[in-house]
Amino acid sequence: MSIFTTVERIPGNSLKYKCVIFDCDGVLVDSEVLGSQVFVDFANEYGANIDLEYAMKHFKGSFLYASMQHVEGIIGKPLPNDFENRYRQKTREVFKEKLQPVAGVKAVLQRLDLPICTASSGPREKIVSNLANTGLSEFFGDAIFSCYDLGKWKPDPAIFLFAAKSMGFAPSECVVIEDSIFGALAAQRGGFDVFGYTAHEKSPDFIVKCTAVFDNMEQLVPMIMRENG
C-alpha cells in the first residue's frame, strides 16, 4: 500500500491538517533561480554589482518593490520607471522557455487527497501563467491567491489568512508549504504550521521559523501523514 493511499483513507474529521497552502515560486514551480538571475542582470545594469547568491539570500520570497528599493539603496539613486515592466517581460520570456515544476511536486499534487491552494507574493497573472507553463493548473482551479489582490505582502500573514478563510478553514487546520524566510515568518505570524522546503534555503533563520523542514518533495506527504495519523 502506498503512503498516499494511507493518507487518503484517514477520515476527514480526524485530520490535523485539512488544507494545504502552497507557496508558488520555489515550491510549485522552480522559478527562484531563473527569476533571481534576471533581477541580478537588470540590477547590475545600474551598478548594483550583486550576484545570484546575494539575490537568493536577500530577495527570495520578497515583494518585488522591496527588492527594488534594496537595490536603490545600493546604487544610491532610483531605478528607472520602466525597470519593473522590463523585468517582468524578460521573466515571462525566460519562464515560458525554461520554467519547470519543482522536482516531485506533481506526484504530490496527484496523490494528496486534501483541499489545496496556492498563496503567492507574485501578481495573479504570473501565478496563473507559471502554473499553466508547468502543467500544474489542473490541480488548483480558482484556488489561487495573490498578495497583489490584498495589497499586503509577506511577512504580513494576510495572504495566508485570506487563503485559509476562502478555503473554509481556520489557520490551525492548515499547513503552509514555504521556501523563504519571508513566507515562513508570515505563516508563523498567522498561527499556521509551516513546513519549510530547504532545497534552496538552508539558513538557520529560515529553519527556526518552520514547524518542520524537508529537502525533497518525496518527504512531504509522509510528513503530513505522520501529523494526520
Protein backbone atom coordinates (compact mmCIF):
# COMPACT_ATOMS: atom_id res chain seq x y z
CA MET A 1 0.00 0.00 0.00
CA SER A 2 1.39 3.42 -0.91
CA ILE A 3 1.81 6.13 1.67
CA PHE A 4 -0.60 8.25 -0.36
CA THR A 5 -3.37 5.65 -0.15
CA THR A 6 -2.91 5.57 3.61
CA VAL A 7 -3.40 9.34 3.80
CA GLU A 8 -6.47 9.22 1.62
CA ARG A 9 -8.23 6.73 3.90
CA ILE A 10 -7.98 8.81 7.05
CA PRO A 11 -11.45 10.16 7.91
CA GLY A 12 -11.61 13.89 7.20
CA ASN A 13 -12.76 14.88 10.69
CA SER A 14 -9.73 13.17 12.29
CA LEU A 15 -7.16 15.15 10.35
CA LYS A 16 -4.95 17.76 11.99
CA TYR A 17 -4.36 19.33 8.59
CA LYS A 18 -7.46 19.65 6.44
CA CYS A 19 -5.97 22.02 3.87
CA VAL A 20 -2.51 22.50 2.37
CA ILE A 21 -1.48 26.01 1.32
CA PHE A 22 1.43 26.01 -1.13
CA ASP A 23 3.64 28.95 -1.89
CA CYS A 24 4.20 29.08 -5.65
CA ASP A 25 7.70 30.25 -6.59
CA GLY A 26 10.27 27.72 -5.41
CA VAL A 27 7.67 25.31 -4.03
CA LEU A 28 5.44 24.53 -7.01
CA VAL A 29 7.48 25.99 -9.86
CA ASP A 30 11.26 26.08 -9.98
CA SER A 31 11.40 29.80 -10.70
CA GLU A 32 13.57 31.27 -7.95
CA VAL A 33 16.95 30.87 -9.62
CA LEU A 34 15.63 31.87 -13.04
CA GLY A 35 13.83 34.96 -11.78
CA SER A 36 16.63 35.97 -9.46
CA GLN A 37 19.20 35.80 -12.25
CA VAL A 38 17.08 38.09 -14.41
CA PHE A 39 16.78 40.51 -11.50
CA VAL A 40 20.55 40.41 -10.90
CA ASP A 41 21.28 41.09 -14.57
CA PHE A 42 18.94 44.06 -14.65
CA ALA A 43 20.12 45.47 -11.31
CA ASN A 44 23.73 45.23 -12.39
CA GLU A 45 22.98 47.34 -15.46
CA TYR A 46 22.59 50.20 -12.99
CA GLY A 47 25.68 49.48 -10.89
CA ALA A 48 24.35 47.17 -8.16
CA ASN A 49 27.26 44.73 -8.58
CA ILE A 50 25.40 41.83 -6.93
CA ASP A 51 25.38 38.14 -7.79
CA LEU A 52 22.87 35.30 -7.69
CA GLU A 53 23.90 34.21 -4.21
CA TYR A 54 23.25 37.72 -2.89
CA ALA A 55 19.85 37.86 -4.58
CA MET A 56 18.78 34.46 -3.26
CA LYS A 57 19.78 35.47 0.26
CA HIS A 58 18.15 38.90 0.32
CA PHE A 59 15.29 38.83 -2.19
CA LYS A 60 13.87 35.29 -2.35
CA GLY A 61 10.20 35.36 -1.37
CA SER A 62 10.19 39.13 -1.08
CA PHE A 63 7.92 41.73 -2.66
CA LEU A 64 9.47 42.98 -5.92
CA TYR A 65 9.20 46.63 -4.89
CA ALA A 66 11.08 45.88 -1.66
CA SER A 67 13.85 44.24 -3.69
CA MET A 68 13.97 47.26 -5.99
CA GLN A 69 14.22 49.60 -3.00
CA HIS A 70 17.07 47.48 -1.66
CA VAL A 71 18.93 47.89 -4.96
CA GLU A 72 18.23 51.62 -4.96
CA GLY A 73 19.90 51.77 -1.55
CA ILE A 74 22.97 50.06 -3.01
CA ILE A 75 23.28 52.29 -6.07
CA GLY A 76 22.23 55.48 -4.31
CA LYS A 77 19.61 56.51 -6.85
CA PRO A 78 16.15 55.47 -8.09
CA LEU A 79 15.82 52.74 -10.65
CA PRO A 80 14.23 53.86 -13.92
CA ASN A 81 10.46 53.87 -14.20
CA ASP A 82 10.45 51.04 -16.74
CA PHE A 83 12.53 48.67 -14.57
CA GLU A 84 9.56 46.61 -13.36
CA ASN A 85 7.98 46.29 -16.81
CA ARG A 86 11.27 45.27 -18.39
CA TYR A 87 11.95 42.77 -15.60
CA ARG A 88 8.52 41.20 -15.84
CA GLN A 89 8.66 40.96 -19.62
CA LYS A 90 12.05 39.25 -19.50
CA THR A 91 10.99 36.82 -16.80
CA ARG A 92 7.89 35.90 -18.81
CA GLU A 93 10.14 35.06 -21.75
CA VAL A 94 12.56 33.06 -19.62
CA PHE A 95 9.81 31.21 -17.76
CA LYS A 96 7.99 30.30 -20.97
CA GLU A 97 11.19 28.78 -22.33
CA LYS A 98 12.79 27.23 -19.25
CA LEU A 99 10.40 27.01 -16.29
CA GLN A 100 9.81 23.54 -14.82
CA PRO A 101 7.73 22.28 -11.91
CA VAL A 102 9.70 21.66 -8.73
CA ALA A 103 11.02 18.10 -8.85
CA GLY A 104 8.48 15.68 -7.39
CA VAL A 105 5.74 18.20 -6.70
CA LYS A 106 3.40 16.95 -9.42
CA ALA A 107 3.33 13.50 -7.83
CA VAL A 108 2.46 15.11 -4.50
CA LEU A 109 -0.43 17.03 -6.04
CA GLN A 110 -1.70 13.95 -7.86
CA ARG A 111 -1.80 11.88 -4.69
CA LEU A 112 -2.64 14.29 -1.91
CA ASP A 113 -6.33 13.90 -1.17
CA LEU A 114 -6.81 17.16 0.71
CA PRO A 115 -8.05 20.59 -0.37
CA ILE A 116 -5.13 22.63 -1.68
CA CYS A 117 -4.47 26.16 -2.82
CA THR A 118 -1.54 28.41 -3.64
CA ALA A 119 -0.80 31.75 -1.97
CA SER A 120 1.97 33.78 -3.55
CA SER A 121 3.61 37.20 -3.40
CA GLY A 122 3.53 37.38 -7.19
CA PRO A 123 0.84 39.00 -9.34
CA ARG A 124 -2.11 36.75 -10.15
CA GLU A 125 -1.34 36.69 -13.88
CA LYS A 126 2.19 35.50 -13.13
CA ILE A 127 0.93 32.69 -10.87
CA VAL A 128 -1.63 31.58 -13.46
CA SER A 129 0.93 31.69 -16.27
CA ASN A 130 3.58 29.78 -14.31
CA LEU A 131 1.14 27.06 -13.29
CA ALA A 132 -0.01 26.74 -16.91
CA ASN A 133 3.56 26.63 -18.26
CA THR A 134 4.44 23.80 -15.88
CA GLY A 135 1.27 21.74 -16.27
CA LEU A 136 0.03 22.35 -12.72
CA SER A 137 -3.08 24.46 -13.40
CA GLU A 138 -5.44 21.50 -13.21
CA PHE A 139 -4.68 20.96 -9.54
CA PHE A 140 -5.65 24.45 -8.38
CA GLY A 141 -8.50 25.76 -10.50
CA ASP A 142 -9.55 29.06 -8.94
CA ALA A 143 -7.80 28.34 -5.62
CA ILE A 144 -5.11 30.91 -6.38
CA PHE A 145 -4.40 33.79 -4.01
CA SER A 146 -2.09 36.72 -4.71
CA CYS A 147 -0.70 39.32 -2.35
CA TYR A 148 -1.41 41.87 -5.06
CA ASP A 149 -5.13 41.29 -4.57
CA LEU A 150 -4.80 42.37 -0.94
CA GLY A 151 -2.07 44.98 -1.19
CA LYS A 152 -0.18 43.24 1.62
CA TRP A 153 2.94 41.15 1.23
CA LYS A 154 4.81 38.52 3.21
CA PRO A 155 5.94 38.58 6.01
CA ASP A 156 2.49 40.05 6.67
CA PRO A 157 0.28 36.98 7.27
CA ALA A 158 -2.71 38.50 5.41
CA ILE A 159 -2.38 36.33 2.30
CA PHE A 160 -2.36 33.08 4.27
CA LEU A 161 -5.23 34.18 6.49
CA PHE A 162 -7.24 35.16 3.43
CA ALA A 163 -6.45 31.88 1.65
CA ALA A 164 -7.45 29.79 4.66
CA LYS A 165 -10.71 31.71 5.15
CA SER A 166 -11.53 31.47 1.44
CA MET A 167 -10.93 27.71 1.52
CA GLY A 168 -13.18 27.40 4.59
CA PHE A 169 -10.59 26.52 7.23
CA ALA A 170 -9.02 28.00 10.34
CA PRO A 171 -5.25 28.55 10.42
CA SER A 172 -4.89 25.66 12.87
CA GLU A 173 -6.44 23.34 10.25
CA CYS A 174 -3.93 24.29 7.55
CA VAL A 175 -0.28 23.65 6.88
CA VAL A 176 1.70 26.11 4.76
CA ILE A 177 4.48 24.90 2.48
CA GLU A 178 7.15 27.59 2.09
CA ASP A 179 10.74 28.03 0.91
CA SER A 180 11.58 31.54 2.09
CA ILE A 181 12.16 33.33 5.36
CA PHE A 182 9.51 35.92 4.48
CA GLY A 183 6.93 33.23 3.79
CA ALA A 184 7.73 31.17 6.86
CA LEU A 185 7.53 34.24 9.07
CA ALA A 186 4.18 35.19 7.53
CA ALA A 187 2.79 31.73 8.22
CA GLN A 188 4.15 31.75 11.77
CA ARG A 189 2.63 35.16 12.47
CA GLY A 190 -0.73 33.97 11.15
CA GLY A 191 -0.86 30.99 13.50
CA PHE A 192 -0.14 28.35 10.85
CA ASP A 193 2.17 25.39 10.99
CA VAL A 194 4.71 25.74 8.21
CA PHE A 195 6.78 23.03 6.53
CA GLY A 196 9.94 24.53 5.10
CA TYR A 197 11.33 23.28 1.78
CA THR A 198 15.09 23.61 2.07
CA ALA A 199 16.29 22.76 -1.45
CA HIS A 200 17.39 26.39 -1.94
CA GLU A 201 17.11 27.74 1.59
CA LYS A 202 19.04 26.13 4.43
CA SER A 203 19.74 29.15 6.62
CA PRO A 204 19.23 28.75 10.38
CA ASP A 205 16.97 31.83 10.33
CA PHE A 206 14.61 30.02 7.95
CA ILE A 207 14.72 26.66 9.67
CA VAL A 208 13.95 28.07 13.12
CA LYS A 209 10.75 29.66 11.81
CA CYS A 210 9.43 26.34 10.46
CA THR A 211 7.42 23.68 12.24
CA ALA A 212 9.38 21.08 10.26
CA VAL A 213 11.69 21.07 7.24
CA PHE A 214 12.29 18.80 4.25
CA ASP A 215 14.62 18.89 1.26
CA ASN A 216 12.87 16.51 -1.13
CA MET A 217 9.23 16.57 -2.23
CA GLU A 218 9.02 12.81 -1.67
CA GLN A 219 9.17 13.59 2.05
CA LEU A 220 6.18 15.93 2.12
CA VAL A 221 3.23 13.56 2.13
CA PRO A 222 4.81 11.26 4.75
CA MET A 223 5.26 14.35 6.95
CA ILE A 224 1.60 15.26 6.56
CA MET A 225 0.62 11.65 7.12
CA ARG A 226 2.51 11.50 10.41
CA GLU A 227 0.77 14.64 11.67
CA ASN A 228 -2.62 13.42 10.46
CA GLY A 229 -2.15 9.89 11.77
